[in-house]
N, C-alpha and C. Protein backbone atom coordinates (compact mmCIF):
# COMPACT_ATOMS: atom_id res chain seq x y z
N MET A 1 1.20 195.62 -63.22
CA MET A 1 -0.19 196.04 -63.20
C MET A 1 -0.32 197.32 -64.01
N ILE A 2 -1.47 197.47 -64.66
CA ILE A 2 -1.79 198.65 -65.46
C ILE A 2 -2.78 199.51 -64.68
N TYR A 3 -2.59 200.80 -64.73
CA TYR A 3 -3.47 201.78 -64.08
C TYR A 3 -4.42 202.30 -65.16
N LEU A 4 -5.71 202.13 -64.97
CA LEU A 4 -6.72 202.55 -65.93
C LEU A 4 -7.39 203.83 -65.45
N ALA A 5 -7.06 204.94 -66.12
CA ALA A 5 -7.62 206.24 -65.75
C ALA A 5 -8.85 206.53 -66.59
N SER A 6 -9.88 207.06 -65.94
CA SER A 6 -11.09 207.46 -66.65
C SER A 6 -11.84 208.48 -65.80
N PRO A 7 -12.59 209.37 -66.45
CA PRO A 7 -13.36 210.35 -65.66
C PRO A 7 -14.49 209.66 -64.92
N MET A 8 -14.83 210.17 -63.76
CA MET A 8 -15.96 209.63 -63.00
C MET A 8 -16.94 210.74 -62.61
N SER A 9 -16.45 211.81 -62.05
CA SER A 9 -17.33 212.86 -61.52
C SER A 9 -18.15 213.52 -62.62
N HIS A 10 -19.38 213.86 -62.26
CA HIS A 10 -20.27 214.60 -63.16
C HIS A 10 -21.48 215.00 -62.32
N PRO A 11 -22.09 216.16 -62.60
CA PRO A 11 -23.27 216.57 -61.83
C PRO A 11 -24.48 215.66 -62.04
N ASN A 12 -24.51 214.96 -63.17
CA ASN A 12 -25.63 214.05 -63.47
C ASN A 12 -25.28 212.65 -62.96
N PRO A 13 -25.98 212.14 -61.94
CA PRO A 13 -25.67 210.81 -61.40
C PRO A 13 -25.76 209.69 -62.43
N ALA A 14 -26.61 209.84 -63.43
CA ALA A 14 -26.73 208.81 -64.47
C ALA A 14 -25.45 208.74 -65.29
N ILE A 15 -24.80 209.86 -65.51
CA ILE A 15 -23.55 209.87 -66.26
C ILE A 15 -22.43 209.27 -65.41
N VAL A 16 -22.42 209.55 -64.12
CA VAL A 16 -21.44 208.92 -63.22
C VAL A 16 -21.60 207.40 -63.29
N GLU A 17 -22.85 206.94 -63.24
CA GLU A 17 -23.11 205.50 -63.30
C GLU A 17 -22.65 204.92 -64.64
N ALA A 18 -22.92 205.63 -65.72
CA ALA A 18 -22.49 205.16 -67.04
C ALA A 18 -20.97 205.08 -67.12
N ARG A 19 -20.31 206.10 -66.61
CA ARG A 19 -18.84 206.11 -66.62
C ARG A 19 -18.28 204.95 -65.81
N TYR A 20 -18.90 204.70 -64.67
CA TYR A 20 -18.49 203.58 -63.82
C TYR A 20 -18.59 202.27 -64.59
N HIS A 21 -19.74 202.05 -65.22
CA HIS A 21 -19.95 200.78 -65.93
C HIS A 21 -19.01 200.64 -67.12
N ILE A 22 -18.78 201.70 -67.85
CA ILE A 22 -17.85 201.63 -68.98
C ILE A 22 -16.45 201.26 -68.49
N ALA A 23 -15.99 201.92 -67.43
CA ALA A 23 -14.66 201.63 -66.89
C ALA A 23 -14.59 200.20 -66.33
N ALA A 24 -15.63 199.77 -65.65
CA ALA A 24 -15.64 198.42 -65.08
C ALA A 24 -15.61 197.36 -66.19
N ILE A 25 -16.38 197.56 -67.22
CA ILE A 25 -16.40 196.60 -68.33
C ILE A 25 -15.04 196.59 -69.04
N HIS A 26 -14.45 197.75 -69.22
CA HIS A 26 -13.14 197.82 -69.87
C HIS A 26 -12.08 197.14 -68.99
N ALA A 27 -12.15 197.36 -67.69
CA ALA A 27 -11.20 196.69 -66.78
C ALA A 27 -11.39 195.18 -66.84
N ALA A 28 -12.64 194.73 -66.87
CA ALA A 28 -12.91 193.30 -66.97
C ALA A 28 -12.41 192.73 -68.29
N TYR A 29 -12.57 193.50 -69.36
CA TYR A 29 -12.07 193.08 -70.67
C TYR A 29 -10.54 192.92 -70.62
N LEU A 30 -9.84 193.88 -70.04
CA LEU A 30 -8.39 193.78 -69.92
C LEU A 30 -8.00 192.57 -69.06
N LYS A 31 -8.71 192.38 -67.96
CA LYS A 31 -8.43 191.24 -67.07
C LYS A 31 -8.61 189.93 -67.82
N ALA A 32 -9.66 189.85 -68.65
CA ALA A 32 -9.89 188.64 -69.43
C ALA A 32 -8.77 188.37 -70.43
N GLN A 33 -8.03 189.42 -70.80
CA GLN A 33 -6.88 189.28 -71.69
C GLN A 33 -5.61 188.92 -70.91
N GLY A 34 -5.75 188.74 -69.60
CA GLY A 34 -4.60 188.39 -68.77
C GLY A 34 -3.82 189.59 -68.27
N ILE A 35 -4.42 190.77 -68.37
CA ILE A 35 -3.75 191.99 -67.94
C ILE A 35 -4.25 192.37 -66.55
N PHE A 36 -3.35 192.51 -65.60
CA PHE A 36 -3.73 192.96 -64.27
C PHE A 36 -3.94 194.46 -64.33
N VAL A 37 -5.10 194.92 -63.85
CA VAL A 37 -5.48 196.31 -64.01
C VAL A 37 -6.09 196.85 -62.72
N TYR A 38 -5.83 198.13 -62.46
CA TYR A 38 -6.46 198.84 -61.35
C TYR A 38 -7.16 200.06 -61.93
N SER A 39 -8.44 200.18 -61.64
CA SER A 39 -9.22 201.34 -62.05
C SER A 39 -9.67 202.07 -60.79
N PRO A 40 -9.12 203.26 -60.51
CA PRO A 40 -9.46 203.95 -59.27
C PRO A 40 -10.94 204.31 -59.16
N GLY A 41 -11.56 204.69 -60.26
CA GLY A 41 -12.98 205.03 -60.22
C GLY A 41 -13.85 203.82 -59.92
N VAL A 42 -13.52 202.70 -60.53
CA VAL A 42 -14.28 201.47 -60.29
C VAL A 42 -14.11 201.04 -58.84
N TYR A 43 -12.90 201.16 -58.33
CA TYR A 43 -12.64 200.80 -56.94
C TYR A 43 -13.44 201.68 -55.98
N ALA A 44 -13.35 202.99 -56.16
CA ALA A 44 -14.02 203.92 -55.23
C ALA A 44 -15.54 203.81 -55.30
N LEU A 45 -16.07 203.79 -56.51
CA LEU A 45 -17.53 203.68 -56.63
C LEU A 45 -18.02 202.30 -56.24
N GLY A 46 -17.18 201.30 -56.46
CA GLY A 46 -17.53 199.95 -56.02
C GLY A 46 -17.70 199.87 -54.51
N LEU A 47 -16.85 200.56 -53.77
CA LEU A 47 -17.00 200.60 -52.32
C LEU A 47 -18.33 201.22 -51.92
N ALA A 48 -18.72 202.26 -52.62
CA ALA A 48 -19.98 202.94 -52.30
C ALA A 48 -21.18 202.02 -52.53
N THR A 49 -21.10 201.14 -53.51
CA THR A 49 -22.24 200.27 -53.81
C THR A 49 -22.43 199.15 -52.78
N VAL A 50 -21.43 198.90 -51.98
CA VAL A 50 -21.55 197.85 -50.97
C VAL A 50 -21.66 198.42 -49.56
N GLY A 51 -22.14 199.66 -49.49
CA GLY A 51 -22.39 200.24 -48.17
C GLY A 51 -21.25 201.01 -47.57
N MET A 52 -20.25 201.31 -48.35
CA MET A 52 -19.10 202.05 -47.82
C MET A 52 -19.17 203.52 -48.21
N GLU A 53 -20.38 204.02 -48.50
CA GLU A 53 -20.50 205.41 -48.92
C GLU A 53 -20.10 206.39 -47.83
N GLU A 54 -19.92 205.89 -46.60
CA GLU A 54 -19.45 206.79 -45.54
C GLU A 54 -17.99 207.21 -45.75
N ILE A 55 -17.33 206.57 -46.71
CA ILE A 55 -15.97 207.00 -47.06
C ILE A 55 -16.13 208.24 -47.94
N LYS A 56 -16.29 209.36 -47.31
CA LYS A 56 -16.49 210.63 -48.03
C LYS A 56 -15.17 211.37 -48.12
N TRP A 57 -14.22 210.77 -48.79
CA TRP A 57 -12.93 211.39 -48.94
C TRP A 57 -13.01 212.55 -49.92
N THR A 58 -12.13 213.50 -49.74
CA THR A 58 -12.00 214.59 -50.69
C THR A 58 -11.29 214.06 -51.95
N HIS A 59 -11.36 214.84 -53.00
CA HIS A 59 -10.65 214.48 -54.23
C HIS A 59 -9.16 214.31 -53.94
N GLU A 60 -8.61 215.20 -53.14
CA GLU A 60 -7.18 215.13 -52.82
C GLU A 60 -6.83 213.86 -52.06
N GLN A 61 -7.70 213.44 -51.13
CA GLN A 61 -7.45 212.21 -50.38
C GLN A 61 -7.45 211.00 -51.32
N TRP A 62 -8.43 210.97 -52.24
CA TRP A 62 -8.47 209.85 -53.20
C TRP A 62 -7.25 209.87 -54.10
N MET A 63 -6.82 211.05 -54.54
CA MET A 63 -5.67 211.13 -55.43
C MET A 63 -4.40 210.67 -54.71
N SER A 64 -4.29 210.99 -53.43
CA SER A 64 -3.14 210.53 -52.65
C SER A 64 -3.13 209.01 -52.55
N TYR A 65 -4.30 208.44 -52.28
CA TYR A 65 -4.45 206.97 -52.21
C TYR A 65 -4.09 206.35 -53.55
N ASP A 66 -4.65 206.93 -54.62
CA ASP A 66 -4.41 206.39 -55.96
C ASP A 66 -2.95 206.50 -56.36
N ARG A 67 -2.28 207.55 -55.91
CA ARG A 67 -0.86 207.72 -56.24
C ARG A 67 -0.03 206.56 -55.69
N GLU A 68 -0.37 206.12 -54.50
CA GLU A 68 0.35 204.98 -53.91
C GLU A 68 0.24 203.75 -54.81
N ILE A 69 -0.93 203.53 -55.35
CA ILE A 69 -1.13 202.37 -56.24
C ILE A 69 -0.48 202.63 -57.59
N PHE A 70 -0.64 203.85 -58.11
CA PHE A 70 -0.04 204.21 -59.39
C PHE A 70 1.47 203.92 -59.37
N ASP A 71 2.11 204.24 -58.28
CA ASP A 71 3.56 204.05 -58.18
C ASP A 71 3.97 202.59 -58.35
N THR A 72 3.07 201.65 -58.11
CA THR A 72 3.37 200.23 -58.28
C THR A 72 3.05 199.73 -59.68
N CYS A 73 2.37 200.55 -60.47
CA CYS A 73 1.96 200.15 -61.82
C CYS A 73 3.06 200.45 -62.83
N LYS A 74 3.10 199.65 -63.88
CA LYS A 74 4.15 199.85 -64.88
C LYS A 74 3.73 200.82 -65.97
N SER A 75 2.43 201.02 -66.17
CA SER A 75 2.00 201.95 -67.21
C SER A 75 0.57 202.42 -66.95
N LEU A 76 0.17 203.38 -67.77
CA LEU A 76 -1.14 204.02 -67.65
C LEU A 76 -1.90 203.85 -68.95
N ILE A 77 -3.17 203.48 -68.83
CA ILE A 77 -4.09 203.52 -69.96
C ILE A 77 -5.15 204.55 -69.63
N VAL A 78 -5.35 205.51 -70.53
CA VAL A 78 -6.39 206.51 -70.37
C VAL A 78 -7.58 206.08 -71.21
N LEU A 79 -8.70 205.89 -70.56
CA LEU A 79 -9.93 205.49 -71.25
C LEU A 79 -10.58 206.73 -71.83
N LYS A 80 -10.62 206.81 -73.14
CA LYS A 80 -11.11 208.01 -73.82
C LYS A 80 -12.64 207.99 -73.95
N ILE A 81 -13.28 208.30 -72.83
CA ILE A 81 -14.72 208.47 -72.85
C ILE A 81 -15.00 209.97 -72.66
N PRO A 82 -16.19 210.43 -73.03
CA PRO A 82 -16.47 211.87 -72.89
C PRO A 82 -16.13 212.37 -71.49
N GLY A 83 -15.39 213.46 -71.46
CA GLY A 83 -14.98 214.07 -70.20
C GLY A 83 -13.54 213.79 -69.81
N TRP A 84 -12.86 212.89 -70.52
CA TRP A 84 -11.50 212.54 -70.10
C TRP A 84 -10.54 213.72 -70.21
N GLU A 85 -10.74 214.56 -71.21
CA GLU A 85 -9.82 215.69 -71.38
C GLU A 85 -10.03 216.78 -70.32
N GLU A 86 -11.26 216.88 -69.81
CA GLU A 86 -11.57 217.89 -68.79
C GLU A 86 -11.38 217.38 -67.36
N SER A 87 -11.25 216.08 -67.21
CA SER A 87 -11.17 215.48 -65.88
C SER A 87 -9.89 215.89 -65.15
N LYS A 88 -10.08 216.52 -64.00
CA LYS A 88 -8.94 216.93 -63.17
C LYS A 88 -8.10 215.71 -62.79
N GLY A 89 -8.76 214.65 -62.35
CA GLY A 89 -8.05 213.45 -61.93
C GLY A 89 -7.28 212.79 -63.06
N VAL A 90 -7.92 212.64 -64.22
CA VAL A 90 -7.23 212.01 -65.35
C VAL A 90 -6.02 212.83 -65.76
N GLN A 91 -6.14 214.14 -65.77
CA GLN A 91 -5.00 214.98 -66.15
C GLN A 91 -3.86 214.88 -65.14
N ILE A 92 -4.20 214.76 -63.86
CA ILE A 92 -3.16 214.55 -62.83
C ILE A 92 -2.46 213.21 -63.08
N GLU A 93 -3.24 212.17 -63.37
CA GLU A 93 -2.68 210.84 -63.59
C GLU A 93 -1.78 210.82 -64.83
N ILE A 94 -2.17 211.52 -65.89
CA ILE A 94 -1.31 211.64 -67.07
C ILE A 94 0.00 212.33 -66.68
N GLY A 95 -0.10 213.37 -65.86
CA GLY A 95 1.10 214.05 -65.38
C GLY A 95 2.01 213.13 -64.59
N TRP A 96 1.44 212.27 -63.76
CA TRP A 96 2.24 211.31 -63.02
C TRP A 96 3.03 210.43 -63.99
N ALA A 97 2.34 209.91 -65.00
CA ALA A 97 3.00 209.01 -65.95
C ALA A 97 4.14 209.72 -66.67
N LYS A 98 3.88 210.95 -67.10
CA LYS A 98 4.92 211.70 -67.80
C LYS A 98 6.12 211.97 -66.90
N SER A 99 5.84 212.37 -65.66
CA SER A 99 6.95 212.70 -64.75
C SER A 99 7.76 211.47 -64.35
N GLU A 100 7.14 210.31 -64.35
CA GLU A 100 7.82 209.06 -63.99
C GLU A 100 8.39 208.34 -65.21
N GLY A 101 8.10 208.85 -66.40
CA GLY A 101 8.57 208.20 -67.62
C GLY A 101 7.87 206.88 -67.90
N LYS A 102 6.64 206.74 -67.39
CA LYS A 102 5.88 205.51 -67.63
C LYS A 102 5.12 205.61 -68.95
N LEU A 103 4.95 204.47 -69.57
CA LEU A 103 4.19 204.40 -70.81
C LEU A 103 2.76 204.87 -70.55
N CYS A 104 2.27 205.76 -71.41
CA CYS A 104 0.91 206.28 -71.30
C CYS A 104 0.24 206.05 -72.64
N THR A 105 -0.80 205.21 -72.65
CA THR A 105 -1.52 204.94 -73.89
C THR A 105 -2.97 205.36 -73.72
N TYR A 106 -3.62 205.55 -74.84
CA TYR A 106 -5.01 206.01 -74.86
C TYR A 106 -5.85 204.95 -75.54
N SER A 107 -6.99 204.66 -74.94
CA SER A 107 -7.83 203.58 -75.45
C SER A 107 -9.29 204.02 -75.51
N HIS A 108 -9.93 203.64 -76.59
CA HIS A 108 -11.38 203.81 -76.65
C HIS A 108 -11.99 202.62 -75.93
N PRO A 109 -13.14 202.80 -75.30
CA PRO A 109 -13.74 201.68 -74.56
C PRO A 109 -14.12 200.54 -75.50
N CYS A 110 -14.07 199.33 -74.97
CA CYS A 110 -14.47 198.19 -75.78
C CYS A 110 -15.94 198.34 -76.16
N TRP A 111 -16.27 197.90 -77.33
CA TRP A 111 -17.63 198.08 -77.86
C TRP A 111 -18.68 197.46 -76.94
N ALA A 112 -18.33 196.40 -76.23
CA ALA A 112 -19.28 195.74 -75.34
C ALA A 112 -19.84 196.70 -74.30
N SER A 113 -18.99 197.62 -73.81
CA SER A 113 -19.47 198.54 -72.79
C SER A 113 -20.51 199.49 -73.37
N TYR A 114 -20.29 199.96 -74.59
CA TYR A 114 -21.29 200.83 -75.22
C TYR A 114 -22.60 200.08 -75.46
N SER A 115 -22.49 198.85 -75.95
CA SER A 115 -23.69 198.08 -76.25
C SER A 115 -24.52 197.83 -74.99
N LEU A 116 -23.85 197.46 -73.91
CA LEU A 116 -24.55 197.21 -72.66
C LEU A 116 -25.23 198.48 -72.15
N LEU A 117 -24.51 199.57 -72.12
CA LEU A 117 -25.09 200.81 -71.62
C LEU A 117 -26.19 201.33 -72.52
N LYS A 118 -26.04 201.16 -73.80
CA LYS A 118 -27.06 201.63 -74.73
C LYS A 118 -28.38 200.91 -74.48
N SER A 119 -28.32 199.63 -74.18
CA SER A 119 -29.55 198.88 -73.93
C SER A 119 -30.16 199.21 -72.57
N HIS A 120 -29.34 199.64 -71.61
CA HIS A 120 -29.84 199.92 -70.27
C HIS A 120 -30.21 201.38 -70.04
N ASN A 121 -29.60 202.29 -70.75
CA ASN A 121 -29.85 203.70 -70.49
C ASN A 121 -29.82 204.51 -71.78
N LYS A 122 -30.85 204.33 -72.56
CA LYS A 122 -30.93 204.98 -73.87
C LYS A 122 -30.89 206.50 -73.75
N MET A 123 -31.36 207.06 -72.65
CA MET A 123 -31.41 208.50 -72.46
C MET A 123 -30.03 209.14 -72.63
N LEU A 124 -28.99 208.51 -72.13
CA LEU A 124 -27.65 209.09 -72.25
C LEU A 124 -27.22 209.23 -73.69
N PHE A 125 -27.59 208.26 -74.51
CA PHE A 125 -27.20 208.30 -75.90
C PHE A 125 -28.02 209.32 -76.67
N GLU A 126 -29.29 209.46 -76.30
CA GLU A 126 -30.14 210.45 -76.95
C GLU A 126 -29.67 211.87 -76.64
N GLU A 127 -29.10 212.08 -75.45
CA GLU A 127 -28.56 213.40 -75.09
C GLU A 127 -27.25 213.67 -75.80
N GLY A 128 -26.63 212.64 -76.35
CA GLY A 128 -25.38 212.83 -77.06
C GLY A 128 -24.15 212.68 -76.18
N GLU A 129 -24.32 212.46 -74.90
CA GLU A 129 -23.16 212.37 -74.00
C GLU A 129 -22.25 211.19 -74.36
N TYR A 130 -22.83 210.08 -74.77
CA TYR A 130 -22.04 208.89 -75.07
C TYR A 130 -22.34 208.33 -76.45
N SER A 131 -22.61 209.17 -77.40
CA SER A 131 -22.91 208.68 -78.73
C SER A 131 -21.66 208.04 -79.33
N CYS A 132 -21.85 206.99 -80.10
CA CYS A 132 -20.73 206.23 -80.67
C CYS A 132 -20.36 206.76 -82.04
């Protein structure tokens, strides 16, 4: 299984939603290629969308949970969307890969995710947050 790291947190809820959708589409794209993938942000935010928002874990609790899954993965893909370099979680996950000697690759999101988000939320692109 591949661990797909991407930033999620942001003060603007619309950007969190955009990040979620980009990561989910990229994970689905990888799955369609026959690659088993785990995206911690998609998993956590997915729980919130089905009424599990009462899971108000701290960042540290989520990172501990994610570490358990990371340890079962053979490599890490870092999704290079705006904010990935500043993301505390993504940087921790890169550190895990380096310390374990796991392959760490960097990927730009599949174009389909940009196209979908551009049609649904033009405001984000006009602000420059996700310009292509």
